[in-house]
PDB file of N, CA and C in Angstrom:
ATOM      1  N   MET A   1      23.386   9.777   0.152  1.00  0.00           N
ATOM      2  CA  MET A   1      23.332  10.644   1.075  1.00  0.00           C
ATOM      3  C   MET A   1      24.269  10.266   1.962  1.00  0.00           C
ATOM      4  N   ALA A   2      24.170   9.381   2.795  1.00  0.00           N
ATOM      5  CA  ALA A   2      25.194   8.905   3.892  1.00  0.00           C
ATOM      6  C   ALA A   2      26.198   8.520   3.132  1.00  0.00           C
ATOM      7  N   ASP A   3      26.274   8.072   1.757  1.00  0.00           N
ATOM      8  CA  ASP A   3      27.632   7.643   1.280  1.00  0.00           C
ATOM      9  C   ASP A   3      28.627   8.802   0.772  1.00  0.00           C
ATOM     10  N   SER A   4      28.349  10.302   0.587  1.00  0.00           N
ATOM     11  CA  SER A   4      29.026  11.149   0.458  1.00  0.00           C
ATOM     12  C   SER A   4      29.443  11.857   1.693  1.00  0.00           C
ATOM     13  N   ALA A   5      28.819  11.712   2.678  1.00  0.00           N
ATOM     14  CA  ALA A   5      29.688  12.596   3.904  1.00  0.00           C
ATOM     15  C   ALA A   5      28.758  11.789   5.057  1.00  0.00           C
ATOM     16  N   PRO A   6      29.559  11.919   5.921  1.00  0.00           N
ATOM     17  CA  PRO A   6      29.046  12.037   7.348  1.00  0.00           C
ATOM     18  C   PRO A   6      27.845  12.172   7.585  1.00  0.00           C
ATOM     19  N   LEU A   7      27.000  11.379   8.217  1.00  0.00           N
ATOM     20  CA  LEU A   7      25.400  11.975   8.920  1.00  0.00           C
ATOM     21  C   LEU A   7      25.793  12.947   9.924  1.00  0.00           C
ATOM     22  N   PRO A   8      25.028  14.011   9.937  1.00  0.00           N
ATOM     23  CA  PRO A   8      25.266  15.115  11.268  1.00  0.00           C
ATOM     24  C   PRO A   8      24.517  13.732  12.462  1.00  0.00           C
ATOM     25  N   SER A   9      24.827  14.214  13.568  1.00  0.00           N
ATOM     26  CA  SER A   9      24.542  13.679  14.886  1.00  0.00           C
ATOM     27  C   SER A   9      23.892  14.250  15.874  1.00  0.00           C
ATOM     28  N   ASP A  10      22.967  15.571  15.323  1.00  0.00           N
ATOM     29  CA  ASP A  10      21.988  16.058  15.747  1.00  0.00           C
ATOM     30  C   ASP A  10      20.820  16.157  15.089  1.00  0.00           C
ATOM     31  N   LEU A  11      19.620  16.277  15.816  1.00  0.00           N
ATOM     32  CA  LEU A  11      18.157  16.059  15.002  1.00  0.00           C
ATOM     33  C   LEU A  11      18.313  17.369  14.048  1.00  0.00           C
ATOM     34  N   PRO A  12      18.366  18.510  14.416  1.00  0.00           N
ATOM     35  CA  PRO A  12      18.042  19.619  13.129  1.00  0.00           C
ATOM     36  C   PRO A  12      19.174  19.401  12.333  1.00  0.00           C
ATOM     37  N   ALA A  13      20.000  18.990  12.146  1.00  0.00           N
ATOM     38  CA  ALA A  13      21.504  18.373  11.021  1.00  0.00           C
ATOM     39  C   ALA A  13      20.160  17.699  10.063  1.00  0.00           C
ATOM     40  N   ILE A  14      20.087  16.373  10.768  1.00  0.00           N
ATOM     41  CA  ILE A  14      19.365  15.542  10.449  1.00  0.00           C
ATOM     42  C   ILE A  14      18.267  15.872   9.337  1.00  0.00           C
ATOM     43  N   GLN A  15      17.337  16.549  10.227  1.00  0.00           N
ATOM     44  CA  GLN A  15      15.877  16.958   9.184  1.00  0.00           C
ATOM     45  C   GLN A  15      16.364  17.733   8.034  1.00  0.00           C
ATOM     46  N   VAL A  16      17.158  18.878   8.266  1.00  0.00           N
ATOM     47  CA  VAL A  16      18.186  19.993   7.239  1.00  0.00           C
ATOM     48  C   VAL A  16      18.536  19.146   5.851  1.00  0.00           C
ATOM     49  N   LEU A  17      19.035  17.613   6.327  1.00  0.00           N
ATOM     50  CA  LEU A  17      20.079  16.851   5.383  1.00  0.00           C
ATOM     51  C   LEU A  17      18.698  16.350   4.755  1.00  0.00           C
ATOM     52  N   ILE A  18      18.035  15.518   5.025  1.00  0.00           N
ATOM     53  CA  ILE A  18      16.651  14.701   4.727  1.00  0.00           C
ATOM     54  C   ILE A  18      15.910  15.494   3.925  1.00  0.00           C
ATOM     55  N   ASP A  19      15.898  16.766   4.306  1.00  0.00           N
ATOM     56  CA  ASP A  19      14.733  17.499   3.538  1.00  0.00           C
ATOM     57  C   ASP A  19      15.630  17.547   2.286  1.00  0.00           C
ATOM     58  N   ALA A  20      16.601  18.244   2.182  1.00  0.00           N
ATOM     59  CA  ALA A  20      17.122  18.934   1.027  1.00  0.00           C
ATOM     60  C   ALA A  20      17.569  17.114  -0.195  1.00  0.00           C
ATOM     61  N   TRP A  21      17.531  16.286   0.776  1.00  0.00           N
ATOM     62  CA  TRP A  21      17.926  15.135  -0.188  1.00  0.00           C
ATOM     63  C   TRP A  21      16.325  14.456  -1.238  1.00  0.00           C
ATOM     64  N   ILE A  22      15.520  15.012  -0.444  1.00  0.00           N
ATOM     65  CA  ILE A  22      13.939  14.787  -0.578  1.00  0.00           C
ATOM     66  C   ILE A  22      13.818  15.500  -1.837  1.00  0.00           C
ATOM     67  N   LYS A  23      13.958  16.700  -1.588  1.00  0.00           N
ATOM     68  CA  LYS A  23      13.723  17.992  -2.523  1.00  0.00           C
ATOM     69  C   LYS A  23      14.741  17.617  -3.863  1.00  0.00           C
ATOM     70  N   ARG A  24      15.933  17.267  -3.900  1.00  0.00           N
ATOM     71  CA  ARG A  24      16.349  16.600  -4.296  1.00  0.00           C
ATOM     72  C   ARG A  24      15.568  15.514  -5.866  1.00  0.00           C
ATOM     73  N   ARG A  25      15.066  14.865  -5.205  1.00  0.00           N
ATOM     74  CA  ARG A  25      14.822  13.262  -5.848  1.00  0.00           C
ATOM     75  C   ARG A  25      13.579  13.707  -6.111  1.00  0.00           C
ATOM     76  N   GLY A  26      12.853  14.624  -5.917  1.00  0.00           N
ATOM     77  CA  GLY A  26      11.256  14.795  -6.189  1.00  0.00           C
ATOM     78  C   GLY A  26      10.371  15.198  -5.215  1.00  0.00           C
ATOM     79  N   HIS A  27       9.809  15.175  -4.441  1.00  0.00           N
ATOM     80  CA  HIS A  27       8.790  15.826  -3.311  1.00  0.00           C
ATOM     81  C   HIS A  27       8.352  15.123  -2.279  1.00  0.00           C
ATOM     82  N   TYR A  28       7.505  15.398  -1.508  1.00  0.00           N
ATOM     83  CA  TYR A  28       7.156  14.751  -0.216  1.00  0.00           C
ATOM     84  C   TYR A  28       5.902  14.389  -0.569  1.00  0.00           C
ATOM     85  N   TRP A  29       5.674  12.866   0.078  1.00  0.00           N
ATOM     86  CA  TRP A  29       4.247  12.261  -0.063  1.00  0.00           C
ATOM     87  C   TRP A  29       3.670  13.030   0.596  1.00  0.00           C
ATOM     88  N   SER A  30       2.186  12.952   0.693  1.00  0.00           N
ATOM     89  CA  SER A  30       1.112  13.402   1.243  1.00  0.00           C
ATOM     90  C   SER A  30       1.492  12.892   2.901  1.00  0.00           C
ATOM     91  N   PRO A  31       1.187  13.733   3.703  1.00  0.00           N
ATOM     92  CA  PRO A  31       1.431  13.160   5.276  1.00  0.00           C
ATOM     93  C   PRO A  31       0.454  11.983   5.219  1.00  0.00           C
ATOM     94  N   LEU A  32      -0.750  11.279   5.208  1.00  0.00           N
ATOM     95  CA  LEU A  32      -1.184  10.283   5.290  1.00  0.00           C
ATOM     96  C   LEU A  32      -0.460   9.109   4.777  1.00  0.00           C
ATOM     97  N   SER A  33      -0.356   9.433   3.028  1.00  0.00           N
ATOM     98  CA  SER A  33       0.829   8.423   2.721  1.00  0.00           C
ATOM     99  C   SER A  33       1.805   7.925   3.471  1.00  0.00           C
ATOM    100  N   GLN A  34       2.602   9.114   3.840  1.00  0.00           N
ATOM    101  CA  GLN A  34       3.916   9.138   4.732  1.00  0.00           C
ATOM    102  C   GLN A  34       3.355   7.832   6.029  1.00  0.00           C
ATOM    103  N   TYR A  35       2.573   8.625   6.909  1.00  0.00           N
ATOM    104  CA  TYR A  35       1.883   7.385   7.740  1.00  0.00           C
ATOM    105  C   TYR A  35       1.726   6.087   7.648  1.00  0.00           C
ATOM    106  N   ALA A  36       1.082   5.928   6.141  1.00  0.00           N
ATOM    107  CA  ALA A  36       0.966   4.178   5.822  1.00  0.00           C
ATOM    108  C   ALA A  36       1.979   3.758   6.012  1.00  0.00           C
ATOM    109  N   ARG A  37       3.244   4.630   5.086  1.00  0.00           N
ATOM    110  CA  ARG A  37       4.885   3.954   4.912  1.00  0.00           C
ATOM    111  C   ARG A  37       4.955   3.811   6.044  1.00  0.00           C
ATOM    112  N   LEU A  38       4.835   4.630   7.402  1.00  0.00           N
ATOM    113  CA  LEU A  38       5.401   4.921   8.811  1.00  0.00           C
ATOM    114  C   LEU A  38       4.857   3.181   9.632  1.00  0.00           C
ATOM    115  N   ALA A  39       3.602   3.362   9.257  1.00  0.00           N
ATOM    116  CA  ALA A  39       2.756   1.967   9.596  1.00  0.00           C
ATOM    117  C   ALA A  39       3.608   0.518   9.045  1.00  0.00           C
ATOM    118  N   GLU A  40       3.594   1.067   7.716  1.00  0.00           N
ATOM    119  CA  GLU A  40       4.141  -0.152   7.077  1.00  0.00           C
ATOM    120  C   GLU A  40       5.775  -0.965   7.681  1.00  0.00           C
ATOM    121  N   GLU A  41       6.253   0.074   7.833  1.00  0.00           N
ATOM    122  CA  GLU A  41       7.771   0.221   8.398  1.00  0.00           C
ATOM    123  C   GLU A  41       7.773  -0.542   9.874  1.00  0.00           C
ATOM    124  N   VAL A  42       7.099   0.412  10.858  1.00  0.00           N
ATOM    125  CA  VAL A  42       6.738  -0.162  11.869  1.00  0.00           C
ATOM    126  C   VAL A  42       6.005  -1.658  12.174  1.00  0.00           C
ATOM    127  N   GLY A  43       5.424  -2.187  11.156  1.00  0.00           N
ATOM    128  CA  GLY A  43       4.802  -3.261  11.002  1.00  0.00           C
ATOM    129  C   GLY A  43       6.244  -4.641  10.473  1.00  0.00           C
ATOM    130  N   GLU A  44       6.872  -4.026   9.801  1.00  0.00           N
ATOM    131  CA  GLU A  44       8.073  -4.720   9.845  1.00  0.00           C
ATOM    132  C   GLU A  44       9.253  -5.114  10.793  1.00  0.00           C
ATOM    133  N   LEU A  45       9.331  -4.194  11.547  1.00  0.00           N
ATOM    134  CA  LEU A  45       9.708  -3.796  12.582  1.00  0.00           C
ATOM    135  C   LEU A  45       9.578  -4.940  13.590  1.00  0.00           C
ATOM    136  N   GLY A  46       8.108  -4.846  13.838  1.00  0.00           N
ATOM    137  CA  GLY A  46       7.417  -5.590  14.182  1.00  0.00           C
ATOM    138  C   GLY A  46       7.449  -7.363  14.274  1.00  0.00           C
ATOM    139  N   ARG A  47       7.630  -7.531  13.387  1.00  0.00           N
ATOM    140  CA  ARG A  47       7.624  -8.917  12.829  1.00  0.00           C
ATOM    141  C   ARG A  47       9.179  -9.679  12.818  1.00  0.00           C
ATOM    142  N   GLU A  48      10.089  -8.464  12.526  1.00  0.00           N
ATOM    143  CA  GLU A  48      11.343  -8.983  12.772  1.00  0.00           C
ATOM    144  C   GLU A  48      11.805  -9.079  14.240  1.00  0.00           C
ATOM    145  N   LEU A  49      11.175  -8.521  15.100  1.00  0.00           N
ATOM    146  CA  LEU A  49      11.120  -8.550  16.913  1.00  0.00           C
ATOM    147  C   LEU A  49      10.690  -9.822  17.340  1.00  0.00           C
ATOM    148  N   ASN A  50       9.324  -9.936  16.667  1.00  0.00           N
ATOM    149  CA  ASN A  50       8.239 -11.308  16.679  1.00  0.00           C
ATOM    150  C   ASN A  50       9.196 -12.440  16.872  1.00  0.00           C
ATOM    151  N   PHE A  51       9.660 -12.392  15.316  1.00  0.00           N
ATOM    152  CA  PHE A  51      10.956 -13.578  15.056  1.00  0.00           C
ATOM    153  C   PHE A  51      11.619 -14.023  16.081  1.00  0.00           C
ATOM    154  N   ARG A  52      12.326 -12.646  16.641  1.00  0.00           N
ATOM    155  CA  ARG A  52      13.752 -12.986  17.450  1.00  0.00           C
ATOM    156  C   ARG A  52      13.397 -12.886  19.029  1.00  0.00           C
ATOM    157  N   PHE A  53      12.551 -12.548  19.614  1.00  0.00           N
ATOM    158  CA  PHE A  53      12.212 -12.296  20.959  1.00  0.00           C
ATOM    159  C   PHE A  53      10.968 -13.027  21.239  1.00  0.00           C
ATOM    160  N   GLY A  54       9.670 -13.174  20.500  1.00  0.00           N
ATOM    161  CA  GLY A  54       8.320 -13.695  20.256  1.00  0.00           C
ATOM    162  C   GLY A  54       8.337 -15.254  20.451  1.00  0.00           C
ATOM    163  N   ASP A  55       6.894 -15.414  20.017  1.00  0.00           N
ATOM    164  CA  ASP A  55       6.576 -16.950  19.972  1.00  0.00           C
ATOM    165  C   ASP A  55       6.372 -17.414  18.535  1.00  0.00           C
ATOM    166  N   LYS A  56       6.792 -16.153  17.426  1.00  0.00           N
ATOM    167  CA  LYS A  56       6.575 -16.252  15.941  1.00  0.00           C
ATOM    168  C   LYS A  56       8.227 -17.187  15.636  1.00  0.00           C
ATOM    169  N   ARG A  57       8.025 -18.485  15.022  1.00  0.00           N
ATOM    170  CA  ARG A  57       9.152 -18.738  14.735  1.00  0.00           C
ATOM    171  C   ARG A  57       9.829 -18.769  12.857  1.00  0.00           C
ATOM    172  N   ARG A  58      10.600 -18.030  12.635  1.00  0.00           N
ATOM    173  CA  ARG A  58      10.986 -17.969  11.250  1.00  0.00           C
ATOM    174  C   ARG A  58      10.914 -19.470  10.286  1.00  0.00           C
ATOM    175  N   THR A  59      10.380 -19.077   9.440  1.00  0.00           N
ATOM    176  CA  THR A  59       9.932 -20.252   8.337  1.00  0.00           C
ATOM    177  C   THR A  59      10.918 -20.309   7.154  1.00  0.00           C
ATOM    178  N   ALA A  60      11.393 -21.664   6.288  1.00  0.00           N
ATOM    179  CA  ALA A  60      12.032 -21.023   5.152  1.00  0.00           C
ATOM    180  C   ALA A  60      11.599 -19.775   4.393  1.00  0.00           C
ATOM    181  N   LYS A  61      10.308 -19.529   4.028  1.00  0.00           N
ATOM    182  CA  LYS A  61      10.238 -18.424   3.124  1.00  0.00           C
ATOM    183  C   LYS A  61      10.236 -17.139   3.973  1.00  0.00           C
ATOM    184  N   ASP A  62      10.758 -17.103   5.203  1.00  0.00           N
ATOM    185  CA  ASP A  62      10.521 -15.873   6.111  1.00  0.00           C
ATOM    186  C   ASP A  62      12.132 -15.425   5.537  1.00  0.00           C
ATOM    187  N   ALA A  63      12.833 -14.217   4.938  1.00  0.00           N
ATOM    188  CA  ALA A  63      14.039 -13.918   4.916  1.00  0.00           C
ATOM    189  C   ALA A  63      14.496 -13.373   6.449  1.00  0.00           C
ATOM    190  N   PRO A  64      15.797 -13.839   6.581  1.00  0.00           N
ATOM    191  CA  PRO A  64      16.062 -12.905   7.488  1.00  0.00           C
ATOM    192  C   PRO A  64      16.185 -11.196   7.615  1.00  0.00           C
ATOM    193  N   GLY A  65      15.952 -10.694   8.818  1.00  0.00           N
ATOM    194  CA  GLY A  65      15.855  -9.061   8.907  1.00  0.00           C
ATOM    195  C   GLY A  65      16.690  -8.840   9.491  1.00  0.00           C
ATOM    196  N   SER A  66      16.814  -7.227   9.638  1.00  0.00           N
ATOM    197  CA  SER A  66      18.054  -6.676  10.507  1.00  0.00           C
ATOM    198  C   SER A  66      17.274  -5.542  11.039  1.00  0.00           C
ATOM    199  N   LEU A  67      17.193  -5.920  12.577  1.00  0.00           N
ATOM    200  CA  LEU A  67      16.502  -4.380  13.635  1.00  0.00           C
ATOM    201  C   LEU A  67      17.076  -3.288  12.704  1.00  0.00           C
ATOM    202  N   THR A  68      18.516  -3.307  12.965  1.00  0.00           N
ATOM    203  CA  THR A  68      19.181  -2.217  12.610  1.00  0.00           C
ATOM    204  C   THR A  68      18.457  -1.304  11.104  1.00  0.00           C
ATOM    205  N   ASP A  69      18.273  -1.980   9.997  1.00  0.00           N
ATOM    206  CA  ASP A  69      17.397  -1.462   8.823  1.00  0.00           C
ATOM    207  C   ASP A  69      16.009  -1.099   9.049  1.00  0.00           C
ATOM    208  N   GLU A  70      15.541  -1.882   9.891  1.00  0.00           N
ATOM    209  CA  GLU A  70      13.823  -1.573   9.930  1.00  0.00           C
ATOM    210  C   GLU A  70      13.887  -0.108  10.780  1.00  0.00           C
ATOM    211  N   LEU A  71      14.908  -0.081  12.136  1.00  0.00           N
ATOM    212  CA  LEU A  71      14.246   1.311  13.109  1.00  0.00           C
ATOM    213  C   LEU A  71      15.241   2.120  12.070  1.00  0.00           C
ATOM    214  N   GLY A  72      16.191   2.205  11.043  1.00  0.00           N
ATOM    215  CA  GLY A  72      16.262   2.902  10.878  1.00  0.00           C
ATOM    216  C   GLY A  72      15.447   3.463   9.363  1.00  0.00           C
ATOM    217  N   ASP A  73      14.875   2.636   8.657  1.00  0.00           N
ATOM    218  CA  ASP A  73      13.421   2.989   8.223  1.00  0.00           C
ATOM    219  C   ASP A  73      12.144   3.838   8.453  1.00  0.00           C
ATOM    220  N   VAL A  74      12.157   3.267   9.834  1.00  0.00           N
ATOM    221  CA  VAL A  74      11.077   3.977  10.734  1.00  0.00           C
ATOM    222  C   VAL A  74      11.449   5.372  11.237  1.00  0.00           C
ATOM    223  N   LEU A  75      12.915   5.235  11.411  1.00  0.00           N
ATOM    224  CA  LEU A  75      13.633   6.960  11.647  1.00  0.00           C
ATOM    225  C   LEU A  75      13.550   7.946  10.555  1.00  0.00           C
ATOM    226  N   PHE A  76      13.393   7.578   9.496  1.00  0.00           N
ATOM    227  CA  PHE A  76      13.625   8.055   8.149  1.00  0.00           C
ATOM    228  C   PHE A  76      12.342   8.597   7.487  1.00  0.00           C
ATOM    229  N   ILE A  77      11.613   8.010   7.876  1.00  0.00           N
ATOM    230  CA  ILE A  77       9.908   8.089   7.611  1.00  0.00           C
ATOM    231  C   ILE A  77       9.536   9.357   8.780  1.00  0.00           C
ATOM    232  N   VAL A  78       9.667   8.936  10.038  1.00  0.00           N
ATOM    233  CA  VAL A  78       8.889   9.983  10.742  1.00  0.00           C
ATOM    234  C   VAL A  78      10.188  10.877  10.545  1.00  0.00           C
ATOM    235  N   VAL A  79      11.308  11.389  10.006  1.00  0.00           N
ATOM    236  CA  VAL A  79      12.191  12.760  10.288  1.00  0.00           C
ATOM    237  C   VAL A  79      11.425  13.305   8.604  1.00  0.00           C
ATOM    238  N   LEU A  80      10.895  12.560   7.823  1.00  0.00           N
ATOM    239  CA  LEU A  80      10.087  13.030   6.685  1.00  0.00           C
ATOM    240  C   LEU A  80       8.773  13.713   6.682  1.00  0.00           C
ATOM    241  N   LEU A  81       8.031  13.072   7.588  1.00  0.00           N
ATOM    242  CA  LEU A  81       6.686  12.942   8.180  1.00  0.00           C
ATOM    243  C   LEU A  81       6.958  14.863   9.077  1.00  0.00           C
ATOM    244  N   ALA A  82       7.904  14.640  10.031  1.00  0.00           N
ATOM    245  CA  ALA A  82       7.711  15.685  10.617  1.00  0.00           C
ATOM    246  C   ALA A  82       8.391  17.131   9.776  1.00  0.00           C
ATOM    247  N   ASN A  83       9.089  16.767   8.852  1.00  0.00           N
ATOM    248  CA  ASN A  83       9.855  17.705   8.012  1.00  0.00           C
ATOM    249  C   ASN A  83       8.917  18.459   6.986  1.00  0.00           C
ATOM    250  N   ASP A  84       7.636  17.574   6.970  1.00  0.00           N
ATOM    251  CA  ASP A  84       6.364  17.894   5.993  1.00  0.00           C
ATOM    252  C   ASP A  84       5.751  18.728   6.623  1.00  0.00           C
ATOM    253  N   LEU A  85       5.452  18.515   8.142  1.00  0.00           N
ATOM    254  CA  LEU A  85       4.856  18.878   9.038  1.00  0.00           C
ATOM    255  C   LEU A  85       4.929  20.352   9.361  1.00  0.00           C
ATOM    256  N   GLY A  86       6.038  20.254   9.287  1.00  0.00           N
ATOM    257  CA  GLY A  86       7.021  21.348  10.009  1.00  0.00           C
ATOM    258  C   GLY A  86       7.415  21.453  11.258  1.00  0.00           C
ATOM    259  N   ILE A  87       7.556  20.135  11.518  1.00  0.00           N
ATOM    260  CA  ILE A  87       7.700  19.898  13.714  1.00  0.00           C
ATOM    261  C   ILE A  87       9.021  19.491  13.241  1.00  0.00           C
ATOM    262  N   ASP A  88       9.446  20.224  14.194  1.00  0.00           N
ATOM    263  CA  ASP A  88      11.298  20.485  15.221  1.00  0.00           C
ATOM    264  C   ASP A  88      11.272  19.127  15.596  1.00  0.00           C
ATOM    265  N   LEU A  89      11.839  18.227  15.164  1.00  0.00           N
ATOM    266  CA  LEU A  89      11.747  16.904  16.301  1.00  0.00           C
ATOM    267  C   LEU A  89      12.797  17.324  17.573  1.00  0.00           C
ATOM    268  N   LEU A  90      13.229  17.872  17.435  1.00  0.00           N
ATOM    269  CA  LEU A  90      14.099  18.561  18.805  1.00  0.00           C
ATOM    270  C   LEU A  90      13.365  18.738  19.918  1.00  0.00           C
ATOM    271  N   THR A  91      12.670  19.994  19.808  1.00  0.00           N
ATOM    272  CA  THR A  91      11.595  20.035  19.929  1.00  0.00           C
ATOM    273  C   THR A  91      10.503  19.333  20.528  1.00  0.00           C
ATOM    274  N   ALA A  92      10.250  18.948  19.680  1.00  0.00           N
ATOM    275  CA  ALA A  92       9.452  17.334  20.284  1.00  0.00           C
ATOM    276  C   ALA A  92       9.930  16.493  20.908  1.00  0.00           C
ATOM    277  N   LEU A  93      10.654  16.064  20.968  1.00  0.00           N
ATOM    278  CA  LEU A  93      11.513  15.454  22.150  1.00  0.00           C
ATOM    279  C   LEU A  93      11.460  15.573  22.973  1.00  0.00           C
ATOM    280  N   ALA A  94      11.632  17.230  23.213  1.00  0.00           N
ATOM    281  CA  ALA A  94      12.397  17.623  24.718  1.00  0.00           C
ATOM    282  C   ALA A  94      10.561  17.847  25.323  1.00  0.00           C
ATOM    283  N   ALA A  95       9.889  17.872  24.499  1.00  0.00           N
ATOM    284  CA  ALA A  95       8.517  17.797  25.440  1.00  0.00           C
ATOM    285  C   ALA A  95       7.945  16.917  26.063  1.00  0.00           C
ATOM    286  N   THR A  96       8.323  15.236  24.625  1.00  0.00           N
ATOM    287  CA  THR A  96       8.009  14.487  25.513  1.00  0.00           C
ATOM    288  C   THR A  96       8.890  14.193  26.598  1.00  0.00           C
ATOM    289  N   LEU A  97      10.179  14.208  26.292  1.00  0.00           N
ATOM    290  CA  LEU A  97      10.617  13.958  27.663  1.00  0.00           C
ATOM    291  C   LEU A  97      10.521  14.693  28.820  1.00  0.00           C
ATOM    292  N   ARG A  98      10.079  16.042  28.956  1.00  0.00           N
ATOM    293  CA  ARG A  98       9.206  16.589  30.219  1.00  0.00           C
ATOM    294  C   ARG A  98       8.210  16.048  30.521  1.00  0.00           C
ATOM    295  N   LYS A  99       7.029  15.695  29.639  1.00  0.00           N
ATOM    296  CA  LYS A  99       6.032  15.050  29.954  1.00  0.00           C
ATOM    297  C   LYS A  99       6.183  13.693  30.676  1.00  0.00           C
ATOM    298  N   TYR A 100       7.050  12.952  30.252  1.00  0.00           N
ATOM    299  CA  TYR A 100       7.557  11.296  31.344  1.00  0.00           C
ATOM    300  C   TYR A 100       8.111  11.816  32.409  1.00  0.00           C
ATOM    301  N   GLU A 101       8.901  13.185  32.258  1.00  0.00           N
ATOM    302  CA  GLU A 101       9.500  13.308  34.118  1.00  0.00           C
ATOM    303  C   GLU A 101       8.457  13.420  34.726  1.00  0.00           C
ATOM    304  N   GLY A 102       7.654  14.211  33.839  1.00  0.00           N
ATOM    305  CA  GLY A 102       6.691  14.652  34.866  1.00  0.00           C
ATOM    306  C   GLY A 102       5.765  13.451  35.578  1.00  0.00           C
ATOM    307  N   ARG A 103       5.888  12.415  34.974  1.00  0.00           N
ATOM    308  CA  ARG A 103       4.957  10.985  35.740  1.00  0.00           C
ATOM    309  C   ARG A 103       5.749  10.722  36.169  1.00  0.00           C
ATOM    310  N   VAL A 104       7.051  10.679  36.700  1.00  0.00           N
ATOM    311  CA  VAL A 104       7.716  10.250  37.591  1.00  0.00           C
ATOM    312  C   VAL A 104       7.219  10.708  38.984  1.00  0.00           C
TER     313      VAL A 104
END
């Protein structure tokens, strides 16, 4: 996917790109399975954050991770889930930003 052409820089185009990519390789998992995968990826991100910034110390058995990789994994699953549920992420993000602006 990312090796053949540059990734688009806008959310709608990213959603289209990932939708085409997943359809070429099979199909979307059920929303619940995607959510479970998202929870798993968020957990991996949390683990790496805890090693770097929290009280948990990395041991010899704990391979160093990459925050960039973990955030990329989370974003990928969020886009997959949004696509499968028919949610436009740009619209969702705009609504969330309006919601937070109203709290200030």
